[in-house]
Amino acid sequence: MAELIRMPRLSDTMEEGVIVEWHKKEGDTIQVGDVLAEVETDKATMDLESYWDGVLLKIMAAKGEAIPVEGLIAVIGEKGEDVDKILAEAQSTPAAERKASEEVPAASESATAPAASPAAAEAAPGAPVGRESERIKVSPLARKMAAERGIDLHLIQGSGEGGRIIKRDIEGYTPAPAATAPGFTAAEGYEDKALSQMRKTIARRLSESKFSAPHFYLTMEIDMSRAVEARKSMNEISPVKISFNDLIIKAAAAALRQNPDVNVSWMGDKLRYYKHIHIGVAVAIDEGLVVPVVRFADQKSLSQIAGEVRELGEKARDRKLQPEEFQGNTFTISNLGMFGIEEFTAIINPPDACILAVGAIREKAVVKDGEIKAAHRMKVTLSCDHRAVDGAVGSRFLKTLKELLEEPVRLLV
């Protein structure tokens, strides 16, 4: 009995996946646990394993092609099975019909062009391509290559069947030289790059957060002089190097334990109060921002937090995070101090009700006990969802955080 392999939902926010590489080809014998392909999700690149034994009868998703969740990508069955019959039966089901009606137009299609069915897109092979009313016939791989190279598909004559643009057309395309006035060598130009699954999800989720959650911001300056001294002493005996960010994570977790009204989520018709404290730590990578999660942060030592943050950061940069490592946050910290940023505001990371933006530690002159002295100062800004957290609640949390960081010995008892 043949099995239809569909694009799995590999993260809670995933809407589509991109086939990075196929590790098997049509006709290969497949066993349970074999890695069929690598799939790029909105959070990481993950292996797609087979849950069935059999023969890979058909691959339906090309390398580089984006497939919606539950979209067909392959068929596994017994050698000699009628794949066309299997697919015809799958297409006749209501679920398949709904999926077909949700097909996304080609990336090169004009935003104002009316939606067309796949059958209509393949019709009239010899008809001219119009920007406003026609869809371009192009293979998924060629479309991806064109997007990466900033090539307008309307300028290419396809050499495939029925005028279809294929890989060799993109590779062989040479743009016409830009016309310039005599004596001038400069030319205008730009490059369009296709959005990764991660960047698409970042844009969607942060837009939803910013425009649905009424943000307000609370800023406080903290004297980090004793934290600077304490960190130096800790690192003389700690098995791993403790950073200021590790100190802030530990202090924030302790402050959340004392101020549970901040450790919440807005659920529409109710507030969810978390009994556990999972701190999301924003990590910048080339394609955007990921937020690995330090779970039960209030119950871990500083050296444990330091080791875990370092390991999660490396996994994030290598796109190797597993779902349980980037889900479940109840509060998030975004630290740009290492880039020299003194103060900023951050957009709340759902489902949290708050996010803490941390700036750089600066040595400056301050007045203490009527005298001018040097001190290490750091500004933090708490972004709050006003539906869930009021100003007084957020202020109490920052007051507790300030007390903990200005007397870091409290974090050790």
Protein backbone atom coordinates (compact mmCIF):
# COMPACT_ATOMS: atom_id res chain seq x y z
CA MET A 1 0.00 0.00 0.00
CA ALA A 2 1.53 3.30 -1.09
CA GLU A 3 2.06 6.12 1.40
CA LEU A 4 1.85 9.80 0.49
CA ILE A 5 4.67 11.81 2.09
CA ARG A 6 3.48 15.30 3.01
CA MET A 7 5.35 18.33 4.28
CA PRO A 8 5.26 17.97 8.09
CA ARG A 9 4.78 20.87 10.50
CA LEU A 10 8.22 20.94 12.10
CA SER A 11 7.64 24.02 14.28
CA ASP A 12 4.62 25.69 15.83
CA THR A 13 4.85 28.68 13.42
CA MET A 14 5.78 26.79 10.25
CA GLU A 15 3.50 27.36 7.25
CA GLU A 16 5.73 26.00 4.48
CA GLY A 17 9.07 24.27 4.09
CA VAL A 18 11.79 24.41 1.44
CA ILE A 19 13.52 21.27 0.20
CA VAL A 20 17.23 21.98 0.70
CA GLU A 21 18.52 18.64 -0.55
CA TRP A 22 17.16 15.21 -1.43
CA HIS A 23 19.21 12.34 0.05
CA LYS A 24 17.28 9.69 -1.87
CA LYS A 25 16.26 9.43 -5.52
CA GLU A 26 13.34 7.81 -7.27
CA GLY A 27 13.69 4.02 -7.29
CA ASP A 28 15.76 3.86 -4.09
CA THR A 29 14.77 1.33 -1.42
CA ILE A 30 13.66 3.10 1.75
CA GLN A 31 13.67 1.84 5.32
CA VAL A 32 12.05 3.32 8.41
CA GLY A 33 14.35 6.01 9.82
CA ASP A 34 16.12 6.78 6.54
CA VAL A 35 16.66 10.50 5.94
CA LEU A 36 14.76 11.37 2.77
CA ALA A 37 15.62 15.06 2.55
CA GLU A 38 16.69 18.20 4.40
CA VAL A 39 13.91 20.74 4.94
CA GLU A 40 14.38 24.42 5.74
CA THR A 41 11.71 25.66 8.15
CA ASP A 42 11.20 29.11 9.62
CA LYS A 43 13.49 28.19 12.53
CA ALA A 44 16.06 25.63 11.39
CA THR A 45 17.13 23.13 8.75
CA MET A 46 15.92 19.68 9.78
CA ASP A 47 16.06 16.10 8.52
CA LEU A 48 12.90 14.56 7.07
CA GLU A 49 12.84 10.89 8.05
CA SER A 50 10.74 8.10 6.60
CA TYR A 51 8.15 6.34 8.74
CA TRP A 52 7.66 3.60 6.15
CA ASP A 53 9.57 0.87 4.34
CA GLY A 54 9.29 0.61 0.57
CA VAL A 55 10.52 2.14 -2.66
CA LEU A 56 10.65 5.87 -3.37
CA LEU A 57 8.22 5.82 -6.29
CA LYS A 58 8.02 9.53 -7.03
CA ILE A 59 9.53 12.84 -5.87
CA MET A 60 7.03 15.67 -6.23
CA ALA A 61 9.00 18.60 -4.79
CA ALA A 62 12.14 19.89 -6.45
CA LYS A 63 15.21 21.06 -4.59
CA GLY A 64 14.67 24.68 -3.60
CA GLU A 65 10.89 24.48 -3.90
CA ALA A 66 8.66 25.83 -1.11
CA ILE A 67 5.88 23.41 -0.17
CA PRO A 68 3.02 24.33 2.19
CA VAL A 69 2.49 22.23 5.30
CA GLU A 70 0.57 19.04 4.33
CA GLY A 71 1.54 19.53 0.67
CA LEU A 72 2.59 16.36 -1.20
CA ILE A 73 6.34 15.91 -1.60
CA ALA A 74 6.85 12.21 -2.37
CA VAL A 75 5.28 8.77 -2.67
CA ILE A 76 6.63 5.59 -1.05
CA GLY A 77 5.19 2.19 -1.90
CA GLU A 78 5.88 -1.17 -3.48
CA LYS A 79 7.86 -1.41 -6.69
CA GLY A 80 5.60 -1.29 -9.75
CA GLU A 81 2.62 0.42 -8.08
CA ASP A 82 0.64 2.79 -10.29
CA VAL A 83 1.71 6.21 -8.99
CA ASP A 84 -0.64 8.12 -11.30
CA LYS A 85 -3.62 6.21 -9.94
CA ILE A 86 -2.49 6.85 -6.36
CA LEU A 87 -2.15 10.58 -6.98
CA ALA A 88 -5.47 10.76 -8.81
CA GLU A 89 -7.20 9.20 -5.81
CA ALA A 90 -5.42 11.66 -3.47
CA GLN A 91 -6.49 14.62 -5.59
CA SER A 92 -10.11 13.48 -5.47
CA THR A 93 -10.33 13.85 -1.68
CA PRO A 94 -11.86 16.99 -0.14
CA ALA A 95 -8.61 17.79 1.71
CA ALA A 96 -6.64 17.72 -1.53
CA GLU A 97 -9.23 19.90 -3.23
CA ARG A 98 -8.94 22.45 -0.44
CA LYS A 99 -5.16 22.39 -0.72
CA ALA A 100 -5.34 22.95 -4.46
CA SER A 101 -7.62 25.97 -3.95
CA GLU A 102 -5.02 27.51 -1.66
CA GLU A 103 -2.18 27.31 -4.18
CA VAL A 104 0.08 30.38 -4.02
CA PRO A 105 0.80 32.17 -7.36
CA ALA A 106 4.31 32.10 -8.78
CA ALA A 107 6.72 34.51 -7.11
CA SER A 108 7.26 36.35 -10.39
CA GLU A 109 3.55 37.00 -10.93
CA SER A 110 2.33 40.59 -10.57
CA ALA A 111 0.63 41.30 -7.25
CA THR A 112 -2.37 42.63 -9.15
CA ALA A 113 -2.72 39.65 -11.48
CA PRO A 114 -5.81 37.49 -10.96
CA ALA A 115 -5.23 34.06 -9.42
CA ALA A 116 -5.03 31.22 -11.93
CA SER A 117 -5.27 27.47 -11.53
CA PRO A 118 -2.22 25.31 -12.30
CA ALA A 119 -4.01 24.04 -15.42
CA ALA A 120 -4.62 27.57 -16.67
CA ALA A 121 -0.97 28.43 -16.09
CA GLU A 122 0.10 25.69 -18.48
CA ALA A 123 -2.43 26.60 -21.20
CA ALA A 124 -1.65 28.34 -24.53
CA PRO A 125 2.06 27.51 -24.75
CA GLY A 126 2.65 29.91 -27.61
CA ALA A 127 0.83 32.88 -26.13
CA PRO A 128 2.90 35.96 -25.21
CA VAL A 129 3.62 36.51 -21.52
CA GLY A 130 1.81 39.54 -20.10
CA ARG A 131 2.89 41.06 -16.79
CA GLU A 132 -0.62 41.83 -15.62
CA SER A 133 -2.71 38.89 -16.76
CA GLU A 134 -0.48 35.87 -17.56
CA ARG A 135 1.55 33.53 -15.39
CA ILE A 136 5.09 32.71 -16.39
CA LYS A 137 5.84 29.05 -17.03
CA VAL A 138 8.94 28.36 -14.95
CA SER A 139 10.33 25.44 -13.00
CA PRO A 140 10.59 25.89 -9.19
CA LEU A 141 14.39 25.64 -9.32
CA ALA A 142 14.64 28.23 -12.11
CA ARG A 143 12.32 30.57 -10.20
CA LYS A 144 14.49 30.29 -7.09
CA MET A 145 17.70 30.88 -9.08
CA ALA A 146 16.19 33.92 -10.78
CA ALA A 147 15.12 35.40 -7.44
CA GLU A 148 18.59 34.87 -5.97
CA ARG A 149 20.26 36.57 -8.98
CA GLY A 150 17.74 39.39 -9.29
CA ILE A 151 16.69 38.33 -12.81
CA ASP A 152 13.32 39.46 -14.19
CA LEU A 153 11.69 36.32 -15.60
CA HIS A 154 9.77 38.43 -18.12
CA LEU A 155 13.07 39.05 -19.94
CA ILE A 156 13.84 35.37 -20.51
CA GLN A 157 12.66 33.14 -23.34
CA GLY A 158 12.20 29.62 -21.99
CA SER A 159 13.76 26.69 -23.82
CA GLY A 160 11.80 23.98 -22.03
CA GLU A 161 8.65 22.25 -23.17
CA GLY A 162 6.01 24.77 -24.18
CA GLY A 163 8.36 27.71 -23.55
CA ARG A 164 8.91 26.77 -19.88
CA ILE A 165 11.87 28.55 -18.26
CA ILE A 166 14.27 26.00 -16.83
CA LYS A 167 17.63 25.94 -15.06
CA ARG A 168 19.81 26.30 -18.18
CA ASP A 169 17.90 29.42 -19.24
CA ILE A 170 18.81 31.15 -15.97
CA GLU A 171 22.43 29.98 -16.12
CA GLY A 172 22.80 31.18 -19.70
CA TYR A 173 21.07 34.54 -19.26
CA THR A 174 23.23 37.62 -19.87
CA PRO A 175 21.59 40.97 -19.08
CA ALA A 176 21.82 43.73 -21.65
CA PRO A 177 24.51 46.29 -20.76
CA ALA A 178 23.20 49.48 -19.18
CA ALA A 179 23.27 52.49 -21.48
CA THR A 180 25.46 55.28 -20.14
CA ALA A 181 26.45 58.69 -21.41
CA PRO A 182 29.96 59.09 -22.93
CA GLY A 183 32.57 59.52 -20.25
CA PHE A 184 30.46 57.92 -17.49
CA THR A 185 31.01 54.41 -16.12
CA ALA A 186 28.58 54.45 -13.16
CA ALA A 187 25.28 52.60 -13.50
CA GLU A 188 22.29 52.15 -11.25
CA GLY A 189 21.53 48.67 -9.98
CA TYR A 190 20.01 46.55 -7.27
CA GLU A 191 19.72 42.93 -6.26
CA ASP A 192 16.60 41.17 -5.02
CA LYS A 193 17.11 38.21 -2.72
CA ALA A 194 14.38 35.69 -1.98
CA LEU A 195 13.25 35.68 1.65
CA SER A 196 14.19 32.67 3.73
CA GLN A 197 11.49 30.83 5.66
CA MET A 198 12.96 32.29 8.85
CA ARG A 199 12.82 35.90 7.62
CA LYS A 200 9.23 35.47 6.41
CA THR A 201 8.15 34.19 9.83
CA ILE A 202 10.05 36.90 11.71
CA ALA A 203 8.31 39.56 9.61
CA ARG A 204 4.87 38.01 10.08
CA ARG A 205 5.08 37.30 13.80
CA LEU A 206 6.61 40.64 14.78
CA SER A 207 4.07 42.51 12.67
CA GLU A 208 1.29 40.62 14.42
CA SER A 209 2.86 41.40 17.81
CA LYS A 210 3.48 45.11 17.14
CA PHE A 211 0.08 45.83 15.63
CA SER A 212 -2.08 43.62 17.86
CA ALA A 213 -0.42 44.07 21.26
CA PRO A 214 -0.52 47.65 22.65
CA HIS A 215 3.13 48.19 23.64
CA PHE A 216 4.36 50.56 26.30
CA TYR A 217 7.93 51.00 27.51
CA LEU A 218 9.65 51.42 30.88
CA THR A 219 13.34 52.42 31.01
CA MET A 220 15.62 52.23 34.03
CA GLU A 221 19.34 52.80 34.58
CA ILE A 222 21.15 50.25 36.73
CA ASP A 223 24.47 50.64 38.55
CA MET A 224 26.49 47.61 37.40
CA SER A 225 29.67 48.44 39.34
CA ARG A 226 29.30 45.59 41.84
CA ALA A 227 28.16 43.23 39.08
CA VAL A 228 31.39 43.99 37.20
CA GLU A 229 33.44 43.10 40.29
CA ALA A 230 31.33 40.04 41.10
CA ARG A 231 31.60 38.66 37.55
CA LYS A 232 35.39 38.97 37.67
CA SER A 233 35.51 36.99 40.94
CA MET A 234 33.04 34.37 39.66
CA ASN A 235 35.06 33.72 36.51
CA GLU A 236 38.13 32.88 38.61
CA ILE A 237 36.36 29.71 39.81
CA SER A 238 33.56 29.08 37.28
CA PRO A 239 34.04 26.07 34.94
CA VAL A 240 32.68 28.20 32.07
CA LYS A 241 33.03 31.92 31.44
CA ILE A 242 30.06 33.86 32.82
CA SER A 243 28.96 36.84 30.73
CA PHE A 244 27.00 39.89 31.80
CA ASN A 245 24.12 38.50 29.76
CA ASP A 246 24.18 35.36 31.91
CA LEU A 247 23.96 37.53 35.03
CA ILE A 248 20.99 39.40 33.53
CA ILE A 249 19.21 36.12 32.63
CA LYS A 250 19.64 34.84 36.17
CA ALA A 251 18.51 38.17 37.68
CA ALA A 252 15.49 38.39 35.36
CA ALA A 253 14.45 34.84 36.28
CA ALA A 254 14.72 35.65 39.98
CA ALA A 255 12.77 38.91 39.47
CA LEU A 256 10.03 37.00 37.62
CA ARG A 257 9.73 34.58 40.54
CA GLN A 258 9.13 37.58 42.81
CA ASN A 259 6.82 39.28 40.30
CA PRO A 260 4.70 36.49 38.76
CA ASP A 261 2.28 38.98 37.19
CA VAL A 262 4.93 39.65 34.51
CA ASN A 263 5.40 35.95 33.71
CA VAL A 264 2.10 35.73 31.81
CA SER A 265 0.53 35.45 28.35
CA TRP A 266 -2.54 37.18 26.90
CA MET A 267 -4.92 34.45 25.73
CA GLY A 268 -7.76 36.60 24.36
CA ASP A 269 -10.39 35.90 26.99
CA LYS A 270 -8.06 35.04 29.87
CA LEU A 271 -4.55 35.55 31.26
CA ARG A 272 -2.25 32.56 31.55
CA TYR A 273 0.04 32.66 34.60
CA TYR A 274 3.07 30.40 34.21
CA LYS A 275 4.42 28.56 37.23
CA HIS A 276 7.66 27.82 35.38
CA ILE A 277 10.16 30.40 34.10
CA HIS A 278 11.58 29.82 30.62
CA ILE A 279 13.78 32.70 29.38
CA GLY A 280 14.09 33.26 25.64
CA VAL A 281 17.50 34.66 24.64
CA ALA A 282 17.52 36.52 21.32
CA VAL A 283 20.44 35.44 19.08
CA ALA A 284 21.32 37.27 15.88
CA ILE A 285 22.24 35.11 12.88
CA ASP A 286 22.77 35.98 9.21
CA GLU A 287 19.12 35.42 8.26
CA GLY A 288 17.51 37.20 11.20
CA LEU A 289 16.81 36.55 14.85
CA VAL A 290 16.15 33.28 16.64
CA VAL A 291 15.22 32.86 20.29
CA PRO A 292 16.53 29.70 21.95
CA VAL A 293 15.04 29.08 25.39
CA VAL A 294 16.75 28.52 28.75
CA ARG A 295 14.18 26.40 30.56
CA PHE A 296 13.64 26.69 34.34
CA ALA A 297 16.21 29.49 34.41
CA ASP A 298 15.41 30.44 38.01
CA GLN A 299 16.47 26.97 39.20
CA LYS A 300 19.86 26.93 37.44
CA SER A 301 23.23 28.22 38.61
CA LEU A 302 25.06 30.95 36.72
CA SER A 303 27.59 28.47 35.35
CA GLN A 304 24.76 26.21 34.12
CA ILE A 305 23.08 29.14 32.41
CA ALA A 306 26.38 30.24 30.86
CA GLY A 307 27.10 26.78 29.43
CA GLU A 308 23.56 26.34 28.13
CA VAL A 309 23.42 29.78 26.48
CA ARG A 310 26.73 29.14 24.71
CA GLU A 311 25.56 25.73 23.43
CA LEU A 312 22.18 27.06 22.27
CA GLY A 313 23.85 30.03 20.55
CA GLU A 314 26.13 27.73 18.56
CA LYS A 315 23.18 25.56 17.54
CA ALA A 316 21.20 28.63 16.50
CA ARG A 317 24.01 29.90 14.26
CA ASP A 318 24.39 26.43 12.72
CA ARG A 319 20.59 26.15 12.21
CA LYS A 320 20.57 22.98 14.33
CA LEU A 321 18.09 23.96 17.04
CA GLN A 322 15.41 21.40 17.78
CA PRO A 323 11.76 22.51 18.32
CA GLU A 324 11.91 22.02 22.09
CA GLU A 325 14.92 24.37 22.19
CA PHE A 326 13.16 27.39 20.63
CA GLN A 327 9.60 27.01 21.95
CA GLY A 328 7.92 27.58 25.30
CA ASN A 329 9.44 30.94 26.33
CA THR A 330 7.56 32.90 29.02
CA PHE A 331 9.83 35.99 28.95
CA THR A 332 12.50 37.18 26.50
CA ILE A 333 15.76 39.14 26.76
CA SER A 334 17.31 40.98 23.80
CA ASN A 335 20.82 42.29 24.47
CA LEU A 336 22.54 44.65 22.01
CA GLY A 337 25.12 45.90 24.51
CA MET A 338 27.91 43.96 22.79
CA PHE A 339 27.28 46.12 19.70
CA GLY A 340 27.69 49.35 21.66
CA ILE A 341 23.96 50.18 21.69
CA GLU A 342 23.19 52.10 24.87
CA GLU A 343 19.39 52.05 24.77
CA PHE A 344 16.64 50.64 22.53
CA THR A 345 13.12 49.22 22.57
CA ALA A 346 12.26 45.69 21.50
CA ILE A 347 9.08 44.21 20.03
CA ILE A 348 7.41 41.64 22.27
CA ASN A 349 8.11 38.03 21.32
CA PRO A 350 4.79 36.10 21.41
CA PRO A 351 3.44 34.47 23.52
CA ASP A 352 5.28 36.57 26.13
CA ALA A 353 3.72 39.66 27.66
CA CYS A 354 7.10 41.40 28.09
CA ILE A 355 10.58 41.60 26.59
CA LEU A 356 13.65 43.19 28.19
CA ALA A 357 15.96 45.26 25.94
CA VAL A 358 19.48 45.50 27.40
CA GLY A 359 22.01 48.17 26.44
CA ALA A 360 25.77 48.48 26.85
CA ILE A 361 27.52 48.93 30.20
CA ARG A 362 29.23 52.33 30.18
CA GLU A 363 31.66 53.79 32.69
CA LYS A 364 30.55 57.34 33.47
CA ALA A 365 30.80 60.03 36.11
CA VAL A 366 27.92 60.01 38.60
CA VAL A 367 27.13 61.83 41.82
CA LYS A 368 27.18 59.53 44.86
CA ASP A 369 26.95 60.82 48.42
CA GLY A 370 27.57 64.34 47.18
CA GLU A 371 30.76 63.37 45.33
CA ILE A 372 31.49 62.76 41.67
CA LYS A 373 32.63 59.19 41.17
CA ALA A 374 33.13 56.74 38.31
CA ALA A 375 30.48 54.02 37.97
CA HIS A 376 29.42 51.38 35.47
CA ARG A 377 25.89 52.08 34.26
CA MET A 378 23.51 50.07 32.08
CA LYS A 379 20.09 51.01 30.69
CA VAL A 380 17.32 48.46 30.30
CA THR A 381 13.90 48.96 28.69
CA LEU A 382 10.95 46.70 29.41
CA SER A 383 8.40 46.45 26.58
CA CYS A 384 5.01 45.44 27.98
CA ASP A 385 1.74 44.26 26.45
CA HIS A 386 -0.70 46.63 28.15
CA ARG A 387 -3.50 44.09 27.83
CA ALA A 388 -1.68 41.82 30.27
CA VAL A 389 0.78 43.97 32.24
CA ASP A 390 0.12 47.41 33.72
CA GLY A 391 2.71 50.12 34.36
CA ALA A 392 2.91 49.53 38.11
CA VAL A 393 3.43 45.78 37.58
CA GLY A 394 6.23 46.34 35.06
CA SER A 395 7.83 48.99 37.31
CA ARG A 396 7.92 46.63 40.29
CA PHE A 397 9.63 44.00 38.15
CA LEU A 398 12.33 46.49 37.04
CA LYS A 399 12.83 47.64 40.64
CA THR A 400 13.47 44.04 41.71
CA LEU A 401 15.81 43.47 38.74
CA LYS A 402 17.76 46.62 39.64
CA GLU A 403 18.16 45.52 43.27
CA LEU A 404 19.41 42.08 42.23
CA LEU A 405 21.98 43.39 39.74
CA GLU A 406 23.22 46.13 42.05
CA GLU A 407 23.69 43.53 44.83
CA PRO A 408 24.55 40.40 42.77
CA VAL A 409 25.34 38.38 45.89
CA ARG A 410 21.55 38.00 46.18
CA LEU A 411 21.65 35.78 43.09
CA LEU A 412 23.81 33.27 44.94
CA VAL A 413 21.63 32.78 48.01
